[in-house]
């Protein structure tokens, strides 16, 4: 997922460089969305791992 975010960021930079601002904006928006989803996933996994190591049961 992080790889896709970086790919879309690179696409946005290249499109902006060549003047395709509509495509650059779209690619930048997709890159932001994918980066946010990646960060949420990482934080969820860290939280689940620390909760498991502490021995707490997940809230229902």
PDB file of N, CA and C in Angstrom:
ATOM      1  N   UNK A   1       0.832  -1.184   0.000  1.00  0.00           N
ATOM      2  CA  UNK A   1       0.000   0.000   0.000  1.00  0.00           C
ATOM      3  C   UNK A   1       0.881   1.255   0.000  1.00  0.00           C
ATOM      4  N   UNK A   2       1.967   1.202   0.764  1.00  0.00           N
ATOM      5  CA  UNK A   2       2.877   2.338   0.785  1.00  0.00           C
ATOM      6  C   UNK A   2       3.537   2.521  -0.579  1.00  0.00           C
ATOM      7  N   UNK A   3       3.816   1.421  -1.237  1.00  0.00           N
ATOM      8  CA  UNK A   3       4.396   1.489  -2.581  1.00  0.00           C
ATOM      9  C   UNK A   3       3.464   2.166  -3.573  1.00  0.00           C
ATOM     10  N   UNK A   4       2.175   1.869  -3.472  1.00  0.00           N
ATOM     11  CA  UNK A   4       1.197   2.510  -4.354  1.00  0.00           C
ATOM     12  C   UNK A   4       1.103   3.998  -4.055  1.00  0.00           C
ATOM     13  N   UNK A   5       1.161   4.351  -2.760  1.00  0.00           N
ATOM     14  CA  UNK A   5       1.104   5.772  -2.396  1.00  0.00           C
ATOM     15  C   UNK A   5       2.300   6.520  -2.984  1.00  0.00           C
ATOM     16  N   UNK A   6       3.477   5.928  -2.902  1.00  0.00           N
ATOM     17  CA  UNK A   6       4.656   6.564  -3.470  1.00  0.00           C
ATOM     18  C   UNK A   6       4.586   6.637  -4.988  1.00  0.00           C
ATOM     19  N   UNK A   7       3.999   5.618  -5.608  1.00  0.00           N
ATOM     20  CA  UNK A   7       3.830   5.624  -7.060  1.00  0.00           C
ATOM     21  C   UNK A   7       2.916   6.770  -7.501  1.00  0.00           C
ATOM     22  N   UNK A   8       1.798   6.937  -6.811  1.00  0.00           N
ATOM     23  CA  UNK A   8       0.878   8.017  -7.159  1.00  0.00           C
ATOM     24  C   UNK A   8       1.487   9.382  -6.848  1.00  0.00           C
ATOM     25  N   UNK A   9       2.312   9.461  -5.803  1.00  0.00           N
ATOM     26  CA  UNK A   9       2.993  10.718  -5.517  1.00  0.00           C
ATOM     27  C   UNK A   9       3.960  11.067  -6.638  1.00  0.00           C
ATOM     28  N   UNK A  10       4.695  10.102  -7.107  1.00  0.00           N
ATOM     29  CA  UNK A  10       5.613  10.329  -8.214  1.00  0.00           C
ATOM     30  C   UNK A  10       4.843  10.719  -9.481  1.00  0.00           C
ATOM     31  N   UNK A  11       3.725  10.051  -9.728  1.00  0.00           N
ATOM     32  CA  UNK A  11       2.882  10.390 -10.872  1.00  0.00           C
ATOM     33  C   UNK A  11       2.371  11.827 -10.765  1.00  0.00           C
ATOM     34  N   UNK A  12       1.983  12.234  -9.572  1.00  0.00           N
ATOM     35  CA  UNK A  12       1.498  13.605  -9.367  1.00  0.00           C
ATOM     36  C   UNK A  12       2.603  14.614  -9.630  1.00  0.00           C
ATOM     37  N   UNK A  13       3.804  14.316  -9.178  1.00  0.00           N
ATOM     38  CA  UNK A  13       4.914  15.236  -9.396  1.00  0.00           C
ATOM     39  C   UNK A  13       5.255  15.367 -10.881  1.00  0.00           C
ATOM     40  N   UNK A  14       5.289  14.249 -11.587  1.00  0.00           N
ATOM     41  CA  UNK A  14       5.613  14.271 -13.015  1.00  0.00           C
ATOM     42  C   UNK A  14       4.502  14.962 -13.799  1.00  0.00           C
ATOM     43  N   UNK A  15       3.249  14.671 -13.462  1.00  0.00           N
ATOM     44  CA  UNK A  15       2.132  15.300 -14.164  1.00  0.00           C
ATOM     45  C   UNK A  15       2.123  16.810 -13.915  1.00  0.00           C
ATOM     46  N   UNK A  16       2.413  17.220 -12.691  1.00  0.00           N
ATOM     47  CA  UNK A  16       2.483  18.643 -12.398  1.00  0.00           C
ATOM     48  C   UNK A  16       3.624  19.326 -13.125  1.00  0.00           C
ATOM     49  N   UNK A  17       4.731  18.618 -13.266  1.00  0.00           N
ATOM     50  CA  UNK A  17       5.885  19.160 -13.979  1.00  0.00           C
ATOM     51  C   UNK A  17       5.554  19.412 -15.450  1.00  0.00           C
ATOM     52  N   UNK A  18       4.768  18.517 -16.046  1.00  0.00           N
ATOM     53  CA  UNK A  18       4.407  18.660 -17.453  1.00  0.00           C
ATOM     54  C   UNK A  18       3.144  19.485 -17.675  1.00  0.00           C
ATOM     55  N   UNK A  19       2.522  19.968 -16.597  1.00  0.00           N
ATOM     56  CA  UNK A  19       1.390  20.862 -16.741  1.00  0.00           C
ATOM     57  C   UNK A  19       0.024  20.203 -16.730  1.00  0.00           C
ATOM     58  N   UNK A  20      -0.054  18.938 -16.445  1.00  0.00           N
ATOM     59  CA  UNK A  20      -1.345  18.249 -16.349  1.00  0.00           C
ATOM     60  C   UNK A  20      -1.845  18.377 -14.909  1.00  0.00           C
ATOM     61  N   UNK A  21      -2.355  19.559 -14.570  1.00  0.00           N
ATOM     62  CA  UNK A  21      -2.679  19.846 -13.181  1.00  0.00           C
ATOM     63  C   UNK A  21      -3.895  19.074 -12.687  1.00  0.00           C
ATOM     64  N   UNK A  22      -4.832  18.762 -13.566  1.00  0.00           N
ATOM     65  CA  UNK A  22      -5.982  17.961 -13.156  1.00  0.00           C
ATOM     66  C   UNK A  22      -5.564  16.558 -12.766  1.00  0.00           C
ATOM     67  N   UNK A  23      -4.728  15.953 -13.579  1.00  0.00           N
ATOM     68  CA  UNK A  23      -4.220  14.615 -13.279  1.00  0.00           C
ATOM     69  C   UNK A  23      -3.314  14.648 -12.055  1.00  0.00           C
ATOM     70  N   UNK A  24      -2.531  15.714 -11.919  1.00  0.00           N
ATOM     71  CA  UNK A  24      -1.633  15.841 -10.772  1.00  0.00           C
ATOM     72  C   UNK A  24      -2.435  15.938  -9.471  1.00  0.00           C
ATOM     73  N   UNK A  25      -3.522  16.697  -9.493  1.00  0.00           N
ATOM     74  CA  UNK A  25      -4.361  16.817  -8.307  1.00  0.00           C
ATOM     75  C   UNK A  25      -5.036  15.518  -7.939  1.00  0.00           C
ATOM     76  N   UNK A  26      -5.506  14.815  -8.948  1.00  0.00           N
ATOM     77  CA  UNK A  26      -6.138  13.521  -8.710  1.00  0.00           C
ATOM     78  C   UNK A  26      -5.142  12.514  -8.144  1.00  0.00           C
ATOM     79  N   UNK A  27      -3.974  12.449  -8.733  1.00  0.00           N
ATOM     80  CA  UNK A  27      -2.956  11.506  -8.260  1.00  0.00           C
ATOM     81  C   UNK A  27      -2.491  11.863  -6.854  1.00  0.00           C
ATOM     82  N   UNK A  28      -2.375  13.150  -6.556  1.00  0.00           N
ATOM     83  CA  UNK A  28      -1.976  13.568  -5.214  1.00  0.00           C
ATOM     84  C   UNK A  28      -3.054  13.203  -4.187  1.00  0.00           C
ATOM     85  N   UNK A  29      -4.312  13.354  -4.566  1.00  0.00           N
ATOM     86  CA  UNK A  29      -5.403  12.968  -3.670  1.00  0.00           C
ATOM     87  C   UNK A  29      -5.412  11.478  -3.389  1.00  0.00           C
ATOM     88  N   UNK A  30      -5.175  10.678  -4.415  1.00  0.00           N
ATOM     89  CA  UNK A  30      -5.121   9.224  -4.233  1.00  0.00           C
ATOM     90  C   UNK A  30      -3.927   8.853  -3.362  1.00  0.00           C
ATOM     91  N   UNK A  31      -2.794   9.527  -3.579  1.00  0.00           N
ATOM     92  CA  UNK A  31      -1.610   9.256  -2.769  1.00  0.00           C
ATOM     93  C   UNK A  31      -1.865   9.579  -1.301  1.00  0.00           C
ATOM     94  N   UNK A  32      -2.548  10.688  -1.029  1.00  0.00           N
ATOM     95  CA  UNK A  32      -2.881  11.051   0.347  1.00  0.00           C
ATOM     96  C   UNK A  32      -3.793  10.012   0.987  1.00  0.00           C
ATOM     97  N   UNK A  33      -4.787   9.575   0.234  1.00  0.00           N
ATOM     98  CA  UNK A  33      -5.727   8.581   0.747  1.00  0.00           C
ATOM     99  C   UNK A  33      -5.020   7.271   1.067  1.00  0.00           C
ATOM    100  N   UNK A  34      -4.163   6.817   0.170  1.00  0.00           N
ATOM    101  CA  UNK A  34      -3.441   5.561   0.399  1.00  0.00           C
ATOM    102  C   UNK A  34      -2.461   5.681   1.562  1.00  0.00           C
ATOM    103  N   UNK A  35      -1.808   6.822   1.689  1.00  0.00           N
ATOM    104  CA  UNK A  35      -0.888   7.021   2.806  1.00  0.00           C
ATOM    105  C   UNK A  35      -1.644   7.021   4.127  1.00  0.00           C
ATOM    106  N   UNK A  36      -2.796   7.677   4.166  1.00  0.00           N
ATOM    107  CA  UNK A  36      -3.615   7.686   5.374  1.00  0.00           C
ATOM    108  C   UNK A  36      -4.085   6.277   5.733  1.00  0.00           C
ATOM    109  N   UNK A  37      -4.524   5.510   4.738  1.00  0.00           N
ATOM    110  CA  UNK A  37      -4.959   4.131   4.987  1.00  0.00           C
ATOM    111  C   UNK A  37      -3.793   3.287   5.495  1.00  0.00           C
ATOM    112  N   UNK A  38      -2.604   3.490   4.943  1.00  0.00           N
ATOM    113  CA  UNK A  38      -1.425   2.756   5.399  1.00  0.00           C
ATOM    114  C   UNK A  38      -1.108   3.086   6.860  1.00  0.00           C
ATOM    115  N   UNK A  39      -1.160   4.362   7.206  1.00  0.00           N
ATOM    116  CA  UNK A  39      -0.860   4.757   8.577  1.00  0.00           C
ATOM    117  C   UNK A  39      -1.888   4.213   9.563  1.00  0.00           C
ATOM    118  N   UNK A  40      -3.152   4.215   9.170  1.00  0.00           N
ATOM    119  CA  UNK A  40      -4.195   3.658  10.033  1.00  0.00           C
ATOM    120  C   UNK A  40      -3.964   2.162  10.237  1.00  0.00           C
ATOM    121  N   UNK A  41      -3.593   1.464   9.180  1.00  0.00           N
ATOM    122  CA  UNK A  41      -3.329   0.027   9.289  1.00  0.00           C
ATOM    123  C   UNK A  41      -2.138  -0.240  10.208  1.00  0.00           C
ATOM    124  N   UNK A  42      -1.079   0.528  10.059  1.00  0.00           N
ATOM    125  CA  UNK A  42       0.099   0.335  10.906  1.00  0.00           C
ATOM    126  C   UNK A  42      -0.241   0.614  12.371  1.00  0.00           C
ATOM    127  N   UNK A  43      -0.973   1.689  12.631  1.00  0.00           N
ATOM    128  CA  UNK A  43      -1.351   2.000  14.007  1.00  0.00           C
ATOM    129  C   UNK A  43      -2.264   0.928  14.590  1.00  0.00           C
ATOM    130  N   UNK A  44      -3.150   0.376  13.779  1.00  0.00           N
ATOM    131  CA  UNK A  44      -4.008  -0.711  14.247  1.00  0.00           C
ATOM    132  C   UNK A  44      -3.182  -1.940  14.612  1.00  0.00           C
ATOM    133  N   UNK A  45      -2.219  -2.287  13.759  1.00  0.00           N
ATOM    134  CA  UNK A  45      -1.398  -3.460  14.039  1.00  0.00           C
ATOM    135  C   UNK A  45      -0.526  -3.262  15.275  1.00  0.00           C
ATOM    136  N   UNK A  46       0.016  -2.084  15.456  1.00  0.00           N
ATOM    137  CA  UNK A  46       0.811  -1.802  16.655  1.00  0.00           C
ATOM    138  C   UNK A  46      -0.059  -1.880  17.897  1.00  0.00           C
ATOM    139  N   UNK A  47      -1.251  -1.335  17.823  1.00  0.00           N
ATOM    140  CA  UNK A  47      -2.174  -1.382  18.947  1.00  0.00           C
ATOM    141  C   UNK A  47      -2.589  -2.817  19.270  1.00  0.00           C
ATOM    142  N   UNK A  48      -2.872  -3.607  18.252  1.00  0.00           N
ATOM    143  CA  UNK A  48      -3.252  -5.002  18.470  1.00  0.00           C
ATOM    144  C   UNK A  48      -2.091  -5.796  19.063  1.00  0.00           C
ATOM    145  N   UNK A  49      -0.891  -5.536  18.586  1.00  0.00           N
ATOM    146  CA  UNK A  49       0.284  -6.248  19.086  1.00  0.00           C
ATOM    147  C   UNK A  49       0.571  -5.890  20.538  1.00  0.00           C
ATOM    148  N   UNK A  50       0.512  -4.621  20.881  1.00  0.00           N
ATOM    149  CA  UNK A  50       0.767  -4.237  22.270  1.00  0.00           C
ATOM    150  C   UNK A  50      -0.345  -4.723  23.190  1.00  0.00           C
ATOM    151  N   UNK A  51      -1.573  -4.744  22.718  1.00  0.00           N
ATOM    152  CA  UNK A  51      -2.668  -5.280  23.520  1.00  0.00           C
ATOM    153  C   UNK A  51      -2.505  -6.769  23.765  1.00  0.00           C
ATOM    154  N   UNK A  52      -1.989  -7.486  22.765  1.00  0.00           N
ATOM    155  CA  UNK A  52      -1.761  -8.919  22.913  1.00  0.00           C
ATOM    156  C   UNK A  52      -0.611  -9.186  23.877  1.00  0.00           C
ATOM    157  N   UNK A  53       0.421  -8.372  23.811  1.00  0.00           N
ATOM    158  CA  UNK A  53       1.572  -8.573  24.689  1.00  0.00           C
ATOM    159  C   UNK A  53       1.238  -8.259  26.142  1.00  0.00           C
ATOM    160  N   UNK A  54       0.321  -7.352  26.359  1.00  0.00           N
ATOM    161  CA  UNK A  54      -0.083  -7.023  27.721  1.00  0.00           C
ATOM    162  C   UNK A  54      -1.066  -8.055  28.290  1.00  0.00           C
ATOM    163  N   UNK A  55      -1.646  -8.860  27.432  1.00  0.00           N
ATOM    164  CA  UNK A  55      -2.572  -9.884  27.890  1.00  0.00           C
ATOM    165  C   UNK A  55      -3.992  -9.403  28.062  1.00  0.00           C
ATOM    166  N   UNK A  56      -4.297  -8.254  27.561  1.00  0.00           N
ATOM    167  CA  UNK A  56      -5.667  -7.753  27.663  1.00  0.00           C
ATOM    168  C   UNK A  56      -6.529  -8.344  26.556  1.00  0.00           C
ATOM    169  N   UNK A  57      -7.771  -8.551  26.889  1.00  0.00           N
ATOM    170  CA  UNK A  57      -8.717  -8.993  25.880  1.00  0.00           C
ATOM    171  C   UNK A  57      -9.214  -7.774  25.121  1.00  0.00           C
ATOM    172  N   UNK A  58      -9.430  -7.903  23.814  1.00  0.00           N
ATOM    173  CA  UNK A  58      -9.938  -6.747  23.052  1.00  0.00           C
ATOM    174  C   UNK A  58     -11.351  -6.405  23.504  1.00  0.00           C
ATOM    175  N   UNK A  59     -11.687  -5.122  23.506  1.00  0.00           N
ATOM    176  CA  UNK A  59     -13.051  -4.724  23.916  1.00  0.00           C
ATOM    177  C   UNK A  59     -14.074  -5.184  22.881  1.00  0.00           C
ATOM    178  N   UNK A  60     -15.221  -5.549  23.396  1.00  0.00           N
ATOM    179  CA  UNK A  60     -16.275  -6.061  22.514  1.00  0.00           C
ATOM    180  C   UNK A  60     -17.302  -4.981  22.288  1.00  0.00           C
TER     181      UNK A  60
END
